[in-house]
Amino acid sequence: MTIRSTEARHPAAQGLHRQPAAQAMALLLEAQRGALAALVPAIPALGRAAEAGVAALRGGGRMGYAGAGSSGLMALADCLELPGTFGLAPDRTPMLFAGGPDALLRMHGGVEDDPALALADLDRAGLGRGDALLVVSASGTTPYALAVATAARARGVTVTGIANVAGSALLDAAEIAVLLDTGAEMVAGSTRMGAATAQKVALNMISVMVGIGLGHVHDGQMVNLIADNAKLVDRAARIVAELAGVPRPEAEAALARTGGAVKPAILVARGAAPDTASDALRDSGGHLAPLMG
């Protein structure tokens, strides 16, 4: 029987338990850095995944996430950040997590082996033609992830499969295959380590490119954020002031005129009427760049 690369023993782990704490932690950190190298050859596929997400969301569809265990947690972490960072409504980015909310407090391994649960979650999410789905599984063989990917693709969903083992079933089942070949873990089989680190960075890259493609990132600023706490209200004002080139009080006044919406507030601070700003953004597909002169 062939051992999956994520289950093999890392050569640097020999005698790890005998190392002084500082040395052991240095080895653990180096392994995490090494895992990130797997992202380099995956960049073209990650770009296609982002393009699929942009196409789905721009067309009125949704971009969902799916996974189980630690891989599911990485997907969930990215998914939950999208409303605050990019202003995407939660119903536009559904999360399919094996075991649902209960599994977030106590992880139950059995749920990841249940294809029927996966299909029920997919039915509940209602994903179909015109939507995109990011499915994450370190081994690429998790039954929950495979069932979701296979059924979603049959329903016309553009499925991106992200796995850490070459030739795995998830990569074969997906329309867009993203291999993050992170290899052996410092604790053999503990894919919450190098594999999960690479997954989280990959998902960060995809979602940021989706934000850029939708016009929600301009010069590295989150110009479509939802300012629902004091920190973000302050950030919104700083963004408007910086990008519009106006003093802070003028930025705050512009935000008040746009109901806190950052993109139109930037144009209002530059002299546009609120209605004119909204119309211009609609015509530019939500992108500020063509409107900034």
Protein backbone atom coordinates (compact mmCIF):
# COMPACT_ATOMS: atom_id res chain seq x y z
CA MET A 1 0.00 0.00 0.00
CA THR A 2 1.38 3.40 -1.03
CA ILE A 3 1.58 5.94 1.80
CA ARG A 4 0.23 9.36 0.88
CA SER A 5 2.85 12.09 0.99
CA THR A 6 0.99 13.86 3.81
CA GLU A 7 1.16 10.66 5.91
CA ALA A 8 4.90 10.09 5.42
CA ARG A 9 7.47 10.99 8.05
CA HIS A 10 9.33 14.24 7.50
CA PRO A 11 13.11 13.68 7.42
CA ALA A 12 13.69 16.62 9.76
CA ALA A 13 11.34 15.12 12.36
CA GLN A 14 13.77 12.38 13.37
CA GLY A 15 14.49 12.96 17.05
CA LEU A 16 12.24 16.02 17.17
CA HIS A 17 11.03 15.07 20.66
CA ARG A 18 14.58 15.22 21.99
CA GLN A 19 15.41 18.68 20.64
CA PRO A 20 15.56 21.77 22.89
CA ALA A 21 12.40 23.83 22.52
CA ALA A 22 14.04 26.60 20.50
CA GLN A 23 15.58 24.15 18.04
CA ALA A 24 12.37 22.14 17.69
CA MET A 25 10.37 25.28 17.01
CA ALA A 26 12.92 26.46 14.45
CA LEU A 27 12.49 23.14 12.63
CA LEU A 28 8.71 23.47 12.77
CA LEU A 29 8.88 26.98 11.34
CA GLU A 30 11.21 25.91 8.57
CA ALA A 31 8.77 23.16 7.59
CA GLN A 32 5.97 25.74 7.38
CA ARG A 33 8.11 27.93 5.16
CA GLY A 34 8.86 24.93 2.98
CA ALA A 35 5.15 24.20 2.60
CA LEU A 36 4.59 27.66 1.13
CA ALA A 37 6.94 26.83 -1.75
CA ALA A 38 4.18 24.55 -3.06
CA LEU A 39 2.17 27.64 -3.96
CA VAL A 40 4.55 28.79 -6.68
CA PRO A 41 3.70 26.15 -9.32
CA ALA A 42 0.02 26.41 -8.33
CA ILE A 43 -0.30 30.12 -9.18
CA PRO A 44 -1.77 29.61 -12.70
CA ALA A 45 -4.48 27.30 -11.34
CA LEU A 46 -5.16 29.66 -8.44
CA GLY A 47 -5.63 32.44 -10.98
CA ARG A 48 -8.22 30.36 -12.86
CA ALA A 49 -10.02 29.67 -9.59
CA ALA A 50 -10.21 33.40 -8.88
CA GLU A 51 -11.47 34.10 -12.40
CA ALA A 52 -14.23 31.52 -11.89
CA GLY A 53 -15.24 33.20 -8.64
CA VAL A 54 -15.33 36.64 -10.26
CA ALA A 55 -17.41 35.34 -13.16
CA ALA A 56 -19.91 33.71 -10.81
CA LEU A 57 -20.31 36.71 -8.50
CA ARG A 58 -20.36 39.27 -11.30
CA GLY A 59 -23.03 37.24 -13.07
CA GLY A 60 -25.32 37.24 -10.05
CA GLY A 61 -24.27 33.79 -8.86
CA ARG A 62 -22.39 32.63 -5.80
CA MET A 63 -18.94 31.43 -4.81
CA GLY A 64 -19.15 28.70 -2.20
CA TYR A 65 -16.60 26.90 -0.05
CA ALA A 66 -16.60 23.26 1.08
CA GLY A 67 -14.45 21.06 3.26
CA ALA A 68 -14.12 18.89 6.35
CA GLY A 69 -11.82 18.89 9.35
CA SER A 70 -8.81 21.22 9.29
CA SER A 71 -9.17 21.79 5.54
CA GLY A 72 -12.76 22.85 6.13
CA LEU A 73 -11.61 25.23 8.85
CA MET A 74 -9.21 26.91 6.43
CA ALA A 75 -12.06 27.32 3.93
CA LEU A 76 -14.39 28.61 6.63
CA ALA A 77 -11.84 31.18 7.85
CA ASP A 78 -11.57 32.65 4.35
CA CYS A 79 -15.31 32.51 3.73
CA LEU A 80 -16.22 34.34 6.94
CA GLU A 81 -13.90 37.25 6.13
CA LEU A 82 -15.48 38.07 2.77
CA PRO A 83 -18.41 40.21 3.98
CA GLY A 84 -16.30 42.50 6.17
CA THR A 85 -13.37 42.76 3.78
CA PHE A 86 -15.12 42.95 0.42
CA GLY A 87 -18.73 43.76 1.28
CA LEU A 88 -20.04 40.47 -0.12
CA ALA A 89 -23.36 39.38 1.36
CA PRO A 90 -23.04 36.06 3.26
CA ASP A 91 -25.68 34.42 1.07
CA ARG A 92 -23.41 35.02 -1.93
CA THR A 93 -20.62 32.92 -0.36
CA PRO A 94 -22.17 29.83 1.27
CA MET A 95 -20.05 27.45 3.37
CA LEU A 96 -20.47 23.68 3.30
CA PHE A 97 -18.70 22.33 6.39
CA ALA A 98 -18.91 18.65 7.31
CA GLY A 99 -20.92 18.39 10.52
CA GLY A 100 -22.18 21.98 10.41
CA PRO A 101 -21.95 24.41 13.35
CA ASP A 102 -21.77 21.61 15.95
CA ALA A 103 -18.49 20.40 14.45
CA LEU A 104 -16.91 23.81 15.06
CA LEU A 105 -17.01 23.29 18.82
CA ARG A 106 -16.06 19.64 18.80
CA MET A 107 -14.61 18.05 15.67
CA HIS A 108 -16.16 14.68 14.83
CA GLY A 109 -14.11 12.73 12.32
CA GLY A 110 -17.00 10.55 11.15
CA VAL A 111 -18.86 13.35 9.40
CA GLU A 112 -16.12 13.71 6.80
CA ASP A 113 -16.80 10.12 5.69
CA ASP A 114 -20.51 10.72 5.00
CA PRO A 115 -21.32 11.38 1.32
CA ALA A 116 -25.05 11.59 2.11
CA LEU A 117 -24.35 14.48 4.47
CA ALA A 118 -22.37 16.18 1.73
CA LEU A 119 -25.24 15.90 -0.74
CA ALA A 120 -27.72 17.22 1.83
CA ASP A 121 -25.46 20.22 2.46
CA LEU A 122 -25.16 20.85 -1.27
CA ASP A 123 -28.94 20.68 -1.66
CA ARG A 124 -29.33 23.13 1.22
CA ALA A 125 -26.84 25.54 -0.34
CA GLY A 126 -28.68 25.35 -3.66
CA LEU A 127 -25.57 25.80 -5.79
CA GLY A 128 -26.09 25.28 -9.50
CA ARG A 129 -25.17 26.48 -12.97
CA GLY A 130 -23.48 29.85 -12.91
CA ASP A 131 -22.02 29.32 -9.45
CA ALA A 132 -18.48 28.46 -8.37
CA LEU A 133 -17.28 26.24 -5.52
CA LEU A 134 -13.90 25.88 -3.80
CA VAL A 135 -13.50 22.39 -2.33
CA VAL A 136 -10.53 21.78 -0.02
CA SER A 137 -9.11 18.43 1.15
CA ALA A 138 -5.51 17.80 2.15
CA SER A 139 -5.55 14.14 1.10
CA GLY A 140 -7.81 14.78 -1.86
CA THR A 141 -9.75 11.65 -0.89
CA THR A 142 -12.10 12.86 1.86
CA PRO A 143 -15.53 11.34 1.04
CA TYR A 144 -17.43 14.51 2.02
CA ALA A 145 -15.27 16.70 -0.23
CA LEU A 146 -15.39 14.24 -3.13
CA ALA A 147 -19.16 13.88 -2.95
CA VAL A 148 -19.67 17.64 -2.89
CA ALA A 149 -17.27 18.21 -5.78
CA THR A 150 -18.70 15.46 -7.98
CA ALA A 151 -22.35 16.37 -7.39
CA ALA A 152 -21.74 20.11 -7.73
CA ARG A 153 -19.96 19.69 -11.03
CA ALA A 154 -22.81 17.52 -12.31
CA ARG A 155 -25.14 20.41 -11.50
CA GLY A 156 -23.13 22.83 -13.60
CA VAL A 157 -21.10 24.43 -10.82
CA THR A 158 -17.52 25.42 -11.68
CA VAL A 159 -15.60 23.35 -9.12
CA THR A 160 -12.07 24.15 -7.97
CA GLY A 161 -10.44 21.32 -6.04
CA ILE A 162 -7.55 22.16 -3.72
CA ALA A 163 -5.54 19.17 -2.49
CA ASN A 164 -2.05 18.47 -1.16
CA VAL A 165 -1.48 15.07 -2.76
CA ALA A 166 -0.65 14.66 -6.44
CA GLY A 167 -2.98 12.46 -8.46
CA SER A 168 -5.69 12.49 -5.80
CA ALA A 169 -9.34 11.92 -6.62
CA LEU A 170 -10.43 15.48 -5.81
CA LEU A 171 -8.05 16.90 -8.38
CA ASP A 172 -9.47 14.51 -10.97
CA ALA A 173 -13.06 15.41 -10.04
CA ALA A 174 -12.55 19.18 -10.21
CA GLU A 175 -12.77 21.37 -13.29
CA ILE A 176 -9.91 23.48 -11.90
CA ALA A 177 -7.30 21.40 -10.08
CA VAL A 178 -5.00 23.13 -7.59
CA LEU A 179 -2.20 20.92 -6.31
CA LEU A 180 -0.35 22.18 -3.25
CA ASP A 181 2.29 19.48 -2.98
CA THR A 182 3.42 20.21 0.58
CA GLY A 183 4.72 16.69 1.25
CA ALA A 184 5.35 15.13 4.65
CA GLU A 185 4.37 16.86 7.88
CA MET A 186 6.61 17.33 10.89
CA VAL A 187 3.94 15.42 12.81
CA ALA A 188 3.12 12.73 10.28
CA GLY A 189 -0.43 13.02 8.99
CA SER A 190 -1.19 16.25 10.89
CA THR A 191 -2.33 18.27 7.90
CA ARG A 192 -3.36 21.18 10.12
CA MET A 193 0.32 22.10 9.78
CA GLY A 194 2.10 22.57 6.45
CA ALA A 195 -0.83 21.47 4.30
CA ALA A 196 -3.26 23.79 6.08
CA THR A 197 -0.81 26.70 5.99
CA ALA A 198 -0.52 26.37 2.22
CA GLN A 199 -4.29 25.99 1.87
CA LYS A 200 -4.98 29.16 3.85
CA VAL A 201 -2.49 31.20 1.84
CA ALA A 202 -3.93 29.80 -1.41
CA LEU A 203 -7.45 30.76 -0.34
CA ASN A 204 -6.21 34.22 0.69
CA MET A 205 -4.75 34.66 -2.77
CA ILE A 206 -7.93 33.51 -4.51
CA SER A 207 -10.25 35.72 -2.46
CA VAL A 208 -8.07 38.82 -2.80
CA MET A 209 -7.97 38.34 -6.58
CA VAL A 210 -11.75 37.93 -6.53
CA GLY A 211 -11.99 41.20 -4.60
CA ILE A 212 -9.73 42.90 -7.14
CA GLY A 213 -11.71 41.47 -10.05
CA LEU A 214 -14.96 42.82 -8.61
CA GLY A 215 -13.44 46.26 -8.04
CA HIS A 216 -13.47 45.91 -4.27
CA VAL A 217 -9.72 46.51 -3.90
CA HIS A 218 -8.10 49.72 -5.15
CA ASP A 219 -4.42 50.50 -4.55
CA GLY A 220 -4.39 47.82 -1.86
CA GLN A 221 -7.35 49.32 0.02
CA MET A 222 -10.61 47.48 0.80
CA VAL A 223 -12.92 50.01 -0.83
CA ASN A 224 -16.09 47.92 -0.45
CA LEU A 225 -15.72 47.08 3.22
CA ILE A 226 -18.72 47.02 5.53
CA ALA A 227 -17.95 49.35 8.43
CA ASP A 228 -19.85 47.60 11.21
CA ASN A 229 -17.54 48.35 14.13
CA ALA A 230 -15.48 51.29 15.38
CA LYS A 231 -12.24 50.01 13.84
CA LEU A 232 -13.78 49.69 10.39
CA VAL A 233 -15.58 53.04 10.62
CA ASP A 234 -12.19 54.60 11.26
CA ARG A 235 -10.62 52.61 8.44
CA ALA A 236 -13.35 53.68 6.01
CA ALA A 237 -12.69 57.34 6.79
CA ARG A 238 -8.94 56.87 6.38
CA ILE A 239 -9.43 55.14 3.03
CA VAL A 240 -11.69 57.88 1.69
CA ALA A 241 -9.32 60.60 2.90
CA GLU A 242 -6.29 58.92 1.35
CA LEU A 243 -7.76 57.95 -2.02
CA ALA A 244 -9.75 61.15 -2.49
CA GLY A 245 -6.89 63.31 -1.23
CA VAL A 246 -9.04 65.21 1.26
CA PRO A 247 -8.81 65.97 5.00
CA ARG A 248 -10.43 63.55 7.43
CA PRO A 249 -13.50 65.74 8.17
CA GLU A 250 -14.34 65.92 4.47
CA ALA A 251 -13.99 62.15 4.19
CA GLU A 252 -16.37 61.64 7.10
CA ALA A 253 -18.87 64.07 5.56
CA ALA A 254 -18.72 62.17 2.25
CA LEU A 255 -19.31 58.86 4.01
CA ALA A 256 -22.33 60.36 5.77
CA ARG A 257 -23.77 61.33 2.38
CA THR A 258 -23.32 57.78 0.98
CA GLY A 259 -24.59 55.88 4.00
CA GLY A 260 -21.08 54.68 4.83
CA ALA A 261 -20.38 53.22 1.38
CA VAL A 262 -16.69 53.79 0.69
CA LYS A 263 -16.47 53.70 -3.10
CA PRO A 264 -19.12 56.33 -3.79
CA ALA A 265 -17.83 58.38 -0.84
CA ILE A 266 -14.44 58.62 -2.53
CA LEU A 267 -16.09 60.11 -5.61
CA VAL A 268 -18.32 62.38 -3.51
CA ALA A 269 -15.25 63.66 -1.65
CA ARG A 270 -13.78 64.50 -5.06
CA GLY A 271 -16.82 66.59 -5.96
CA ALA A 272 -19.45 64.22 -7.37
CA ALA A 273 -23.06 64.15 -6.21
CA PRO A 274 -24.05 60.88 -4.47
CA ASP A 275 -26.43 59.83 -7.27
CA THR A 276 -23.84 60.63 -9.91
CA ALA A 277 -21.22 58.62 -8.03
CA SER A 278 -23.54 55.62 -7.78
CA ASP A 279 -24.41 55.78 -11.48
CA ALA A 280 -20.76 56.05 -12.47
CA LEU A 281 -19.82 53.02 -10.37
CA ARG A 282 -22.64 51.01 -11.89
CA ASP A 283 -21.43 51.90 -15.37
CA SER A 284 -17.81 50.94 -14.48
CA GLY A 285 -18.82 47.60 -13.04
CA GLY A 286 -17.92 48.76 -9.55
CA HIS A 287 -14.34 49.71 -10.41
CA LEU A 288 -12.93 53.01 -9.20
CA ALA A 289 -9.90 53.08 -11.48
CA PRO A 290 -11.70 54.39 -14.62
CA LEU A 291 -13.34 57.14 -12.53
CA MET A 292 -10.35 58.50 -10.66
CA GLY A 293 -8.84 60.46 -13.56
